[in-house]
Amino acid sequence: MKRIILLIIWVGFIFYSAFIAPDGSGSYLSDLLTMNEPDPGLLAMFSLLGVWPAVFCILLLRSDQGSVPAWPFVLGSFALGAFSLLPYFILNRKVERANRIPEKVQRLLSSKVLAVILMLLTIVLMVYGLVAREPGVYEKAFLESNFVHVMTIDFAVLTVLSIIALRDRDQVSGLAGILPIIGPLIVTMKKQQTIQEDYHA
């Protein structure tokens, strides 16, 4: 049932982005890519969408033992966000097999230092976007720009997928990861600390 719902969301997201979302373009994307004085709120959201794939590297690649390799979908998420990750959640099934990810990469992804760096970066971007933003600019862009509109929804979908990943991979129920990026990082840090304590006990 979960896979059917995610399939509907994936197809619906593609259809919505192509045919229902605002079809305007404006200069928002080019301003962000060229750093031509973009609105801080837009810049923060755009940058956070670059942090999300790194978080999914931690969530999905510490233990890549499913029926479908996670790494191609995670790699694709750096460019396509949830459009790339949703198919993984739809296709993957739990199986008994060896971890596909090399041990050195596993250690890096389980590193507390990496999690803290991503968390601090996220906090800085969120504060910057909220404090320095020009009132009304993001709202206007959301209503008239396809890029900004889809980018914003993509961020929300990635947040939902992180909650699913925490439930499936770390057996964390409820909405422990509902705080975007920061929540999943805190949960995985606690999980890793518990594993290390049990190992040394």
N, C-alpha and C. Protein backbone atom coordinates (compact mmCIF):
# COMPACT_ATOMS: atom_id res chain seq x y z
N MET A 1 0.83 -1.21 0.00
CA MET A 1 0.00 0.00 0.00
C MET A 1 0.87 1.26 0.00
N LYS A 2 1.97 1.22 0.79
CA LYS A 2 2.85 2.38 0.85
C LYS A 2 3.45 2.67 -0.52
N ARG A 3 3.84 1.61 -1.24
CA ARG A 3 4.44 1.79 -2.56
C ARG A 3 3.43 2.38 -3.54
N ILE A 4 2.19 1.96 -3.44
CA ILE A 4 1.15 2.50 -4.33
C ILE A 4 0.95 3.99 -4.07
N ILE A 5 0.92 4.37 -2.80
CA ILE A 5 0.75 5.78 -2.44
C ILE A 5 1.93 6.61 -2.95
N LEU A 6 3.15 6.09 -2.77
CA LEU A 6 4.34 6.81 -3.23
C LEU A 6 4.37 6.90 -4.76
N LEU A 7 3.89 5.85 -5.43
CA LEU A 7 3.82 5.89 -6.89
C LEU A 7 2.86 6.97 -7.35
N ILE A 8 1.72 7.06 -6.67
CA ILE A 8 0.74 8.11 -7.00
C ILE A 8 1.34 9.49 -6.77
N ILE A 9 2.07 9.64 -5.66
CA ILE A 9 2.71 10.93 -5.37
C ILE A 9 3.73 11.27 -6.44
N TRP A 10 4.55 10.28 -6.84
CA TRP A 10 5.59 10.51 -7.85
C TRP A 10 4.97 10.94 -9.19
N VAL A 11 4.00 10.15 -9.66
CA VAL A 11 3.35 10.48 -10.93
C VAL A 11 2.62 11.82 -10.82
N GLY A 12 1.94 12.03 -9.68
CA GLY A 12 1.22 13.28 -9.48
C GLY A 12 2.15 14.47 -9.43
N PHE A 13 3.31 14.31 -8.80
CA PHE A 13 4.29 15.40 -8.72
C PHE A 13 4.80 15.77 -10.11
N ILE A 14 5.10 14.75 -10.92
CA ILE A 14 5.56 15.01 -12.28
C ILE A 14 4.47 15.73 -13.08
N PHE A 15 3.25 15.23 -13.00
CA PHE A 15 2.12 15.83 -13.73
C PHE A 15 1.88 17.26 -13.26
N TYR A 16 1.89 17.45 -11.94
CA TYR A 16 1.65 18.78 -11.39
C TYR A 16 2.72 19.76 -11.85
N SER A 17 3.98 19.33 -11.79
CA SER A 17 5.10 20.20 -12.16
C SER A 17 5.04 20.59 -13.62
N ALA A 18 4.58 19.66 -14.47
CA ALA A 18 4.58 19.91 -15.91
C ALA A 18 3.34 20.68 -16.39
N PHE A 19 2.19 20.44 -15.75
CA PHE A 19 0.95 20.96 -16.32
C PHE A 19 0.13 21.89 -15.42
N ILE A 20 0.37 21.86 -14.10
CA ILE A 20 -0.47 22.64 -13.20
C ILE A 20 0.29 23.79 -12.53
N ALA A 21 1.54 23.54 -12.16
CA ALA A 21 2.35 24.58 -11.51
C ALA A 21 2.48 25.80 -12.42
N PRO A 22 2.72 26.97 -11.86
CA PRO A 22 2.90 28.17 -12.68
C PRO A 22 3.93 27.93 -13.78
N ASP A 23 3.67 28.45 -14.97
CA ASP A 23 4.57 28.19 -16.09
C ASP A 23 5.55 29.33 -16.34
N GLY A 24 5.53 30.34 -15.47
CA GLY A 24 6.48 31.44 -15.62
C GLY A 24 7.90 31.01 -15.29
N SER A 25 8.85 31.76 -15.75
CA SER A 25 10.25 31.44 -15.46
C SER A 25 10.93 32.58 -14.71
N GLY A 26 10.83 33.77 -15.24
CA GLY A 26 11.50 34.90 -14.60
C GLY A 26 13.00 34.72 -14.61
N SER A 27 13.68 35.50 -13.80
CA SER A 27 15.15 35.42 -13.76
C SER A 27 15.64 34.78 -12.47
N TYR A 28 14.73 34.12 -11.75
CA TYR A 28 15.10 33.60 -10.42
C TYR A 28 16.22 32.57 -10.49
N LEU A 29 16.12 31.62 -11.41
CA LEU A 29 17.14 30.58 -11.51
C LEU A 29 18.47 31.15 -11.96
N SER A 30 18.44 31.99 -12.99
CA SER A 30 19.68 32.57 -13.48
C SER A 30 20.33 33.46 -12.42
N ASP A 31 19.51 34.18 -11.64
CA ASP A 31 20.06 35.02 -10.57
C ASP A 31 20.75 34.16 -9.51
N LEU A 32 20.17 32.99 -9.23
CA LEU A 32 20.77 32.09 -8.24
C LEU A 32 22.07 31.49 -8.76
N LEU A 33 22.06 31.07 -10.01
CA LEU A 33 23.24 30.41 -10.57
C LEU A 33 24.39 31.38 -10.78
N THR A 34 24.08 32.63 -11.09
CA THR A 34 25.12 33.63 -11.32
C THR A 34 25.38 34.50 -10.10
N MET A 35 24.59 34.25 -9.03
CA MET A 35 24.68 35.05 -7.80
C MET A 35 24.48 36.53 -8.10
N ASN A 36 23.49 36.80 -8.94
CA ASN A 36 23.16 38.18 -9.32
C ASN A 36 22.15 38.75 -8.33
N GLU A 37 22.61 38.99 -7.11
CA GLU A 37 21.81 39.54 -6.03
C GLU A 37 20.48 38.80 -5.85
N PRO A 38 20.53 37.49 -5.68
CA PRO A 38 19.27 36.75 -5.47
C PRO A 38 18.68 37.06 -4.11
N ASP A 39 17.38 36.91 -3.97
CA ASP A 39 16.73 37.11 -2.68
C ASP A 39 17.28 36.09 -1.69
N PRO A 40 17.64 36.51 -0.47
CA PRO A 40 18.19 35.58 0.52
C PRO A 40 17.29 34.39 0.82
N GLY A 41 15.97 34.59 0.80
CA GLY A 41 15.06 33.49 1.04
C GLY A 41 15.16 32.43 -0.05
N LEU A 42 15.21 32.88 -1.30
CA LEU A 42 15.35 31.96 -2.42
C LEU A 42 16.71 31.28 -2.40
N LEU A 43 17.75 32.04 -2.08
CA LEU A 43 19.09 31.47 -2.03
C LEU A 43 19.20 30.41 -0.94
N ALA A 44 18.58 30.67 0.20
CA ALA A 44 18.61 29.71 1.30
C ALA A 44 17.90 28.42 0.91
N MET A 45 16.71 28.52 0.31
CA MET A 45 15.98 27.32 -0.10
C MET A 45 16.75 26.54 -1.16
N PHE A 46 17.29 27.24 -2.13
CA PHE A 46 18.07 26.61 -3.19
C PHE A 46 19.27 25.87 -2.60
N SER A 47 19.93 26.48 -1.63
CA SER A 47 21.10 25.87 -1.00
C SER A 47 20.71 24.67 -0.14
N LEU A 48 19.59 24.78 0.56
CA LEU A 48 19.12 23.66 1.39
C LEU A 48 18.79 22.44 0.54
N LEU A 49 18.33 22.67 -0.69
CA LEU A 49 18.08 21.54 -1.58
C LEU A 49 19.38 20.87 -2.02
N GLY A 50 20.50 21.57 -1.83
CA GLY A 50 21.79 20.95 -2.06
C GLY A 50 22.28 20.18 -0.85
N VAL A 51 21.76 20.52 0.32
CA VAL A 51 22.13 19.81 1.55
C VAL A 51 21.34 18.52 1.69
N TRP A 52 20.09 18.53 1.27
CA TRP A 52 19.22 17.36 1.40
C TRP A 52 19.85 16.07 0.84
N PRO A 53 20.42 16.09 -0.39
CA PRO A 53 21.01 14.85 -0.91
C PRO A 53 22.13 14.30 -0.02
N ALA A 54 22.90 15.20 0.59
CA ALA A 54 23.94 14.73 1.51
C ALA A 54 23.33 14.03 2.71
N VAL A 55 22.19 14.54 3.17
CA VAL A 55 21.49 13.91 4.29
C VAL A 55 20.98 12.53 3.88
N PHE A 56 20.47 12.40 2.65
CA PHE A 56 20.00 11.10 2.18
C PHE A 56 21.15 10.13 1.94
N CYS A 57 22.33 10.66 1.69
CA CYS A 57 23.50 9.77 1.66
C CYS A 57 23.66 9.09 3.02
N ILE A 58 23.49 9.86 4.09
CA ILE A 58 23.60 9.31 5.44
C ILE A 58 22.44 8.36 5.73
N LEU A 59 21.24 8.76 5.35
CA LEU A 59 20.06 7.95 5.66
C LEU A 59 20.03 6.63 4.91
N LEU A 60 20.44 6.64 3.64
CA LEU A 60 20.25 5.47 2.79
C LEU A 60 21.52 4.67 2.48
N LEU A 61 22.67 5.31 2.57
CA LEU A 61 23.89 4.62 2.15
C LEU A 61 24.73 4.06 3.29
N ARG A 62 24.36 4.35 4.53
CA ARG A 62 25.08 3.70 5.63
C ARG A 62 24.86 2.20 5.55
N SER A 63 23.69 1.81 5.12
CA SER A 63 23.35 0.39 5.00
C SER A 63 22.53 0.19 3.72
N ASP A 64 23.23 -0.06 2.62
CA ASP A 64 22.57 -0.22 1.33
C ASP A 64 22.42 -1.72 1.05
N GLN A 65 21.42 -2.32 1.68
CA GLN A 65 21.23 -3.76 1.60
C GLN A 65 19.89 -4.17 1.01
N GLY A 66 19.20 -3.22 0.41
CA GLY A 66 17.88 -3.52 -0.14
C GLY A 66 17.95 -4.24 -1.47
N SER A 67 16.78 -4.52 -2.03
CA SER A 67 16.72 -5.22 -3.31
C SER A 67 17.19 -4.35 -4.46
N VAL A 68 17.14 -3.03 -4.26
CA VAL A 68 17.57 -2.07 -5.29
C VAL A 68 18.70 -1.22 -4.73
N PRO A 69 19.80 -1.05 -5.46
CA PRO A 69 20.88 -0.19 -4.97
C PRO A 69 20.39 1.24 -4.76
N ALA A 70 20.74 1.83 -3.62
CA ALA A 70 20.26 3.18 -3.32
C ALA A 70 21.13 4.25 -3.96
N TRP A 71 22.42 3.94 -4.18
CA TRP A 71 23.34 5.01 -4.56
C TRP A 71 22.99 5.72 -5.88
N PRO A 72 22.47 5.02 -6.94
CA PRO A 72 22.14 5.78 -8.15
C PRO A 72 21.02 6.80 -7.93
N PHE A 73 20.06 6.44 -7.09
CA PHE A 73 18.94 7.34 -6.81
C PHE A 73 19.39 8.52 -5.96
N VAL A 74 20.28 8.24 -4.98
CA VAL A 74 20.81 9.32 -4.15
C VAL A 74 21.67 10.26 -4.99
N LEU A 75 22.48 9.70 -5.86
CA LEU A 75 23.31 10.52 -6.75
C LEU A 75 22.43 11.39 -7.64
N GLY A 76 21.36 10.82 -8.17
CA GLY A 76 20.45 11.58 -9.01
C GLY A 76 19.74 12.68 -8.27
N SER A 77 19.58 12.51 -6.95
CA SER A 77 18.85 13.52 -6.16
C SER A 77 19.61 14.84 -6.07
N PHE A 78 20.93 14.82 -6.31
CA PHE A 78 21.68 16.08 -6.30
C PHE A 78 21.23 17.00 -7.43
N ALA A 79 20.65 16.42 -8.47
CA ALA A 79 20.13 17.23 -9.59
C ALA A 79 18.61 17.25 -9.63
N LEU A 80 17.97 16.14 -9.23
CA LEU A 80 16.53 16.00 -9.43
C LEU A 80 15.73 15.93 -8.14
N GLY A 81 16.38 15.93 -6.99
CA GLY A 81 15.68 15.93 -5.71
C GLY A 81 14.76 14.73 -5.54
N ALA A 82 13.54 14.99 -5.10
CA ALA A 82 12.58 13.92 -4.83
C ALA A 82 12.18 13.17 -6.09
N PHE A 83 12.27 13.79 -7.26
CA PHE A 83 11.96 13.10 -8.51
C PHE A 83 12.83 11.85 -8.67
N SER A 84 14.07 11.93 -8.18
CA SER A 84 14.99 10.80 -8.26
C SER A 84 14.81 9.81 -7.13
N LEU A 85 14.51 10.29 -5.93
CA LEU A 85 14.44 9.42 -4.75
C LEU A 85 13.14 8.64 -4.66
N LEU A 86 12.03 9.21 -5.09
CA LEU A 86 10.74 8.52 -4.99
C LEU A 86 10.75 7.14 -5.64
N PRO A 87 11.34 6.97 -6.85
CA PRO A 87 11.36 5.63 -7.43
C PRO A 87 12.08 4.60 -6.56
N TYR A 88 13.11 5.03 -5.83
CA TYR A 88 13.81 4.09 -4.95
C TYR A 88 12.88 3.58 -3.86
N PHE A 89 12.16 4.49 -3.22
CA PHE A 89 11.23 4.09 -2.16
C PHE A 89 10.09 3.23 -2.70
N ILE A 90 9.75 3.41 -3.97
CA ILE A 90 8.70 2.61 -4.59
C ILE A 90 9.20 1.20 -4.91
N LEU A 91 10.42 1.10 -5.41
CA LEU A 91 10.94 -0.18 -5.91
C LEU A 91 11.63 -1.03 -4.85
N ASN A 92 12.22 -0.41 -3.86
CA ASN A 92 13.07 -1.16 -2.93
C ASN A 92 12.27 -2.05 -1.99
N ARG A 93 12.83 -3.23 -1.73
CA ARG A 93 12.29 -4.17 -0.75
C ARG A 93 13.41 -4.65 0.15
N LYS A 94 13.08 -4.98 1.37
CA LYS A 94 14.08 -5.48 2.31
C LYS A 94 14.46 -6.91 1.94
N VAL A 95 15.77 -7.13 1.83
CA VAL A 95 16.28 -8.47 1.55
C VAL A 95 17.52 -8.71 2.42
N GLU A 96 17.90 -9.95 2.54
CA GLU A 96 19.11 -10.30 3.28
C GLU A 96 20.27 -10.38 2.31
N ARG A 97 21.15 -9.40 2.35
CA ARG A 97 22.30 -9.38 1.46
C ARG A 97 23.38 -8.49 2.08
N ALA A 98 24.58 -8.59 1.53
CA ALA A 98 25.70 -7.80 2.05
C ALA A 98 25.52 -6.33 1.69
N ASN A 99 26.11 -5.47 2.52
CA ASN A 99 26.07 -4.04 2.26
C ASN A 99 26.86 -3.71 1.01
N ARG A 100 26.27 -2.94 0.12
CA ARG A 100 26.93 -2.58 -1.14
C ARG A 100 27.99 -1.50 -0.94
N ILE A 101 27.92 -0.77 0.15
CA ILE A 101 28.78 0.40 0.35
C ILE A 101 30.08 -0.01 1.04
N PRO A 102 31.23 0.42 0.52
CA PRO A 102 32.52 0.09 1.15
C PRO A 102 32.58 0.56 2.60
N GLU A 103 33.33 -0.16 3.40
CA GLU A 103 33.39 0.14 4.83
C GLU A 103 33.88 1.55 5.12
N LYS A 104 34.86 2.03 4.35
CA LYS A 104 35.38 3.38 4.57
C LYS A 104 34.29 4.43 4.34
N VAL A 105 33.47 4.22 3.33
CA VAL A 105 32.38 5.16 3.06
C VAL A 105 31.34 5.08 4.16
N GLN A 106 31.08 3.89 4.66
CA GLN A 106 30.14 3.73 5.77
C GLN A 106 30.60 4.51 6.99
N ARG A 107 31.89 4.43 7.29
CA ARG A 107 32.43 5.16 8.44
C ARG A 107 32.29 6.66 8.26
N LEU A 108 32.53 7.13 7.03
CA LEU A 108 32.39 8.57 6.75
C LEU A 108 30.95 9.02 6.95
N LEU A 109 30.01 8.23 6.43
CA LEU A 109 28.60 8.60 6.51
C LEU A 109 28.07 8.50 7.93
N SER A 110 28.72 7.69 8.77
CA SER A 110 28.31 7.54 10.17
C SER A 110 29.05 8.52 11.08
N SER A 111 29.90 9.36 10.48
CA SER A 111 30.71 10.29 11.25
C SER A 111 29.87 11.39 11.90
N LYS A 112 30.07 11.60 13.17
CA LYS A 112 29.38 12.67 13.88
C LYS A 112 29.81 14.04 13.34
N VAL A 113 31.06 14.14 12.92
CA VAL A 113 31.57 15.41 12.39
C VAL A 113 30.79 15.83 11.15
N LEU A 114 30.55 14.87 10.25
CA LEU A 114 29.80 15.18 9.03
C LEU A 114 28.39 15.64 9.37
N ALA A 115 27.75 14.95 10.29
CA ALA A 115 26.38 15.31 10.69
C ALA A 115 26.34 16.71 11.30
N VAL A 116 27.31 17.04 12.14
CA VAL A 116 27.36 18.35 12.79
C VAL A 116 27.59 19.45 11.75
N ILE A 117 28.48 19.21 10.79
CA ILE A 117 28.75 20.20 9.74
C ILE A 117 27.47 20.48 8.95
N LEU A 118 26.77 19.43 8.55
CA LEU A 118 25.53 19.61 7.79
C LEU A 118 24.47 20.32 8.62
N MET A 119 24.43 20.01 9.92
CA MET A 119 23.45 20.63 10.79
C MET A 119 23.73 22.13 10.96
N LEU A 120 24.98 22.48 11.18
CA LEU A 120 25.36 23.89 11.34
C LEU A 120 25.10 24.66 10.04
N LEU A 121 25.45 24.05 8.92
CA LEU A 121 25.20 24.69 7.62
C LEU A 121 23.72 24.94 7.42
N THR A 122 22.89 23.97 7.80
CA THR A 122 21.44 24.11 7.67
C THR A 122 20.91 25.24 8.55
N ILE A 123 21.36 25.30 9.79
CA ILE A 123 20.91 26.35 10.71
C ILE A 123 21.28 27.73 10.17
N VAL A 124 22.52 27.87 9.68
CA VAL A 124 22.97 29.16 9.13
C VAL A 124 22.10 29.56 7.94
N LEU A 125 21.84 28.62 7.04
CA LEU A 125 21.02 28.92 5.85
C LEU A 125 19.60 29.29 6.23
N MET A 126 19.02 28.55 7.19
CA MET A 126 17.64 28.84 7.60
C MET A 126 17.54 30.20 8.26
N VAL A 127 18.45 30.52 9.14
CA VAL A 127 18.43 31.82 9.82
C VAL A 127 18.64 32.94 8.81
N TYR A 128 19.62 32.75 7.92
CA TYR A 128 19.90 33.75 6.89
C TYR A 128 18.67 33.99 6.01
N GLY A 129 18.04 32.89 5.57
CA GLY A 129 16.88 33.02 4.69
C GLY A 129 15.70 33.71 5.36
N LEU A 130 15.51 33.44 6.66
CA LEU A 130 14.38 34.03 7.38
C LEU A 130 14.63 35.48 7.76
N VAL A 131 15.85 35.80 8.15
CA VAL A 131 16.16 37.14 8.66
C VAL A 131 16.43 38.14 7.54
N ALA A 132 17.17 37.70 6.52
CA ALA A 132 17.62 38.63 5.49
C ALA A 132 16.66 38.74 4.29
N ARG A 133 15.68 37.87 4.21
CA ARG A 133 14.79 37.86 3.05
C ARG A 133 13.99 39.15 2.92
N GLU A 134 13.69 39.50 1.68
CA GLU A 134 12.83 40.65 1.41
C GLU A 134 11.37 40.20 1.50
N PRO A 135 10.57 40.84 2.33
CA PRO A 135 9.16 40.42 2.49
C PRO A 135 8.42 40.39 1.16
N GLY A 136 7.74 39.29 0.91
CA GLY A 136 6.90 39.17 -0.27
C GLY A 136 7.58 38.65 -1.51
N VAL A 137 8.91 38.68 -1.55
CA VAL A 137 9.62 38.26 -2.76
C VAL A 137 9.45 36.76 -3.01
N TYR A 138 9.66 35.97 -1.95
CA TYR A 138 9.53 34.51 -2.12
C TYR A 138 8.10 34.14 -2.48
N GLU A 139 7.15 34.76 -1.81
CA GLU A 139 5.74 34.46 -2.07
C GLU A 139 5.38 34.76 -3.52
N LYS A 140 5.86 35.90 -4.02
CA LYS A 140 5.60 36.30 -5.41
C LYS A 140 6.25 35.30 -6.38
N ALA A 141 7.49 34.92 -6.07
CA ALA A 141 8.19 33.96 -6.92
C ALA A 141 7.49 32.61 -6.93
N PHE A 142 6.97 32.19 -5.78
CA PHE A 142 6.28 30.91 -5.67
C PHE A 142 5.03 30.89 -6.55
N LEU A 143 4.36 32.01 -6.65
CA LEU A 143 3.11 32.08 -7.40
C LEU A 143 3.32 32.24 -8.91
N GLU A 144 4.49 32.72 -9.32
CA GLU A 144 4.67 32.99 -10.74
C GLU A 144 5.78 32.20 -11.42
N SER A 145 6.67 31.58 -10.65
CA SER A 145 7.80 30.86 -11.23
C SER A 145 7.64 29.35 -11.07
N ASN A 146 7.72 28.63 -12.16
CA ASN A 146 7.65 27.17 -12.11
C ASN A 146 8.81 26.61 -11.29
N PHE A 147 9.99 27.16 -11.49
CA PHE A 147 11.17 26.69 -10.79
C PHE A 147 11.02 26.84 -9.27
N VAL A 148 10.65 28.00 -8.81
CA VAL A 148 10.52 28.25 -7.38
C VAL A 148 9.37 27.43 -6.80
N HIS A 149 8.28 27.34 -7.52
CA HIS A 149 7.11 26.59 -7.07
C HIS A 149 7.47 25.12 -6.86
N VAL A 150 8.07 24.51 -7.87
CA VAL A 150 8.43 23.09 -7.80
C VAL A 150 9.53 22.87 -6.77
N MET A 151 10.48 23.79 -6.69
CA MET A 151 11.57 23.69 -5.72
C MET A 151 11.02 23.63 -4.30
N THR A 152 10.03 24.44 -4.02
CA THR A 152 9.46 24.50 -2.68
C THR A 152 8.72 23.21 -2.33
N ILE A 153 7.94 22.71 -3.27
CA ILE A 153 7.23 21.45 -3.05
C ILE A 153 8.21 20.30 -2.92
N ASP A 154 9.26 20.33 -3.71
CA ASP A 154 10.30 19.30 -3.64
C ASP A 154 10.89 19.23 -2.24
N PHE A 155 11.12 20.37 -1.62
CA PHE A 155 11.67 20.41 -0.26
C PHE A 155 10.72 19.70 0.71
N ALA A 156 9.42 19.94 0.55
CA ALA A 156 8.43 19.31 1.43
C ALA A 156 8.39 17.79 1.22
N VAL A 157 8.46 17.36 -0.04
CA VAL A 157 8.43 15.93 -0.34
C VAL A 157 9.68 15.25 0.23
N LEU A 158 10.83 15.90 0.12
CA LEU A 158 12.06 15.34 0.68
C LEU A 158 11.95 15.19 2.20
N THR A 159 11.28 16.12 2.84
CA THR A 159 11.07 16.02 4.29
C THR A 159 10.24 14.78 4.63
N VAL A 160 9.18 14.53 3.86
CA VAL A 160 8.35 13.35 4.07
C VAL A 160 9.15 12.07 3.83
N LEU A 161 9.96 12.05 2.78
CA LEU A 161 10.77 10.87 2.48
C LEU A 161 11.80 10.60 3.57
N SER A 162 12.31 11.65 4.20
CA SER A 162 13.27 11.44 5.29
C SER A 162 12.60 10.78 6.49
N ILE A 163 11.35 11.12 6.74
CA ILE A 163 10.60 10.49 7.83
C ILE A 163 10.38 9.00 7.53
N ILE A 164 10.07 8.70 6.27
CA ILE A 164 9.90 7.30 5.86
C ILE A 164 11.20 6.54 5.98
N ALA A 165 12.30 7.17 5.57
CA ALA A 165 13.61 6.51 5.66
C ALA A 165 13.99 6.22 7.11
N LEU A 166 13.70 7.15 8.00
CA LEU A 166 14.01 6.94 9.42
C LEU A 166 13.19 5.77 9.97
N ARG A 167 11.95 5.67 9.54
CA ARG A 167 11.10 4.58 10.01
C ARG A 167 11.59 3.24 9.48
N ASP A 168 11.94 3.21 8.18
CA ASP A 168 12.34 1.95 7.55
C ASP A 168 13.74 1.52 7.95
N ARG A 169 14.67 2.47 8.06
CA ARG A 169 16.07 2.13 8.29
C ARG A 169 16.46 2.12 9.76
N ASP A 170 15.90 3.03 10.53
CA ASP A 170 16.31 3.18 11.93
C ASP A 170 15.21 2.82 12.91
N GLN A 171 14.08 2.34 12.39
CA GLN A 171 12.95 1.95 13.23
C GLN A 171 12.51 3.08 14.16
N VAL A 172 12.56 4.30 13.65
CA VAL A 172 12.11 5.47 14.40
C VAL A 172 10.70 5.80 13.95
N SER A 173 9.73 5.60 14.82
CA SER A 173 8.34 5.81 14.45
C SER A 173 7.92 7.25 14.71
N GLY A 174 6.75 7.59 14.21
CA GLY A 174 6.22 8.92 14.43
C GLY A 174 6.88 9.96 13.56
N LEU A 175 6.89 11.22 14.04
CA LEU A 175 7.40 12.33 13.24
C LEU A 175 8.72 12.86 13.82
N ALA A 176 9.58 11.94 14.22
CA ALA A 176 10.85 12.36 14.83
C ALA A 176 11.69 13.21 13.89
N GLY A 177 11.52 12.98 12.59
CA GLY A 177 12.33 13.73 11.64
C GLY A 177 11.58 14.84 10.96
N ILE A 178 10.49 15.33 11.56
CA ILE A 178 9.67 16.32 10.87
C ILE A 178 10.38 17.66 10.71
N LEU A 179 11.33 17.98 11.57
CA LEU A 179 12.12 19.20 11.39
C LEU A 179 13.08 18.95 10.23
N PRO A 180 12.91 19.66 9.12
CA PRO A 180 13.68 19.35 7.91
C PRO A 180 15.19 19.35 8.16
N ILE A 181 15.86 18.34 7.66
CA ILE A 181 17.30 18.15 7.68
C ILE A 181 17.82 17.96 9.10
N ILE A 182 17.56 18.90 9.99
CA ILE A 182 18.10 18.84 11.34
C ILE A 182 17.55 17.64 12.10
N GLY A 183 16.24 17.39 12.00
CA GLY A 183 15.62 16.27 12.69
C GLY A 183 16.24 14.93 12.32
N PRO A 184 16.31 14.59 11.03
CA PRO A 184 16.94 13.33 10.64
C PRO A 184 18.39 13.20 11.09
N LEU A 185 19.14 14.30 11.05
CA LEU A 185 20.53 14.25 11.47
C LEU A 185 20.64 13.96 12.97
N ILE A 186 19.79 14.59 13.77
CA ILE A 186 19.81 14.34 15.21
C ILE A 186 19.47 12.87 15.50
N VAL A 187 18.45 12.36 14.81
CA VAL A 187 18.04 10.97 15.03
C VAL A 187 19.16 10.00 14.67
N THR A 188 19.80 10.21 13.52
CA THR A 188 20.86 9.29 13.10
C THR A 188 22.08 9.40 14.00
N MET A 189 22.37 10.59 14.51
CA MET A 189 23.49 10.75 15.45
C MET A 189 23.22 9.97 16.74
N LYS A 190 22.00 10.07 17.25
CA LYS A 190 21.65 9.33 18.46
C LYS A 190 21.70 7.83 18.21
N LYS A 191 21.22 7.41 17.04
CA LYS A 191 21.22 6.00 16.69
C LYS A 191 22.65 5.46 16.63
N GLN A 192 23.53 6.23 16.00
CA GLN A 192 24.92 5.81 15.87
C GLN A 192 25.60 5.75 17.23
N GLN A 193 25.30 6.72 18.10
CA GLN A 193 25.87 6.73 19.45
C GLN A 193 25.43 5.50 20.24
N THR A 194 24.16 5.13 20.08
CA THR A 194 23.64 3.95 20.77
C THR A 194 24.35 2.69 20.28
N ILE A 195 24.57 2.60 18.97
CA ILE A 195 25.27 1.44 18.40
C ILE A 195 26.68 1.35 18.95
N GLN A 196 27.37 2.48 19.03
CA GLN A 196 28.74 2.49 19.53
C GLN A 196 28.79 2.11 21.01
N GLU A 197 27.82 2.60 21.79
CA GLU A 197 27.78 2.26 23.22
C GLU A 197 27.52 0.78 23.41
N ASP A 198 26.62 0.21 22.58
CA ASP A 198 26.34 -1.22 22.69
C ASP A 198 27.55 -2.05 22.27
N TYR A 199 28.31 -1.52 21.30
CA TYR A 199 29.50 -2.24 20.81
C TYR A 199 30.58 -2.30 21.87
N HIS A 200 30.75 -1.18 22.63
CA HIS A 200 31.81 -1.11 23.63
C HIS A 200 31.37 -1.66 24.99
N ALA A 201 30.09 -1.96 25.13
CA ALA A 201 29.58 -2.47 26.42
C ALA A 201 30.09 -3.88 26.69
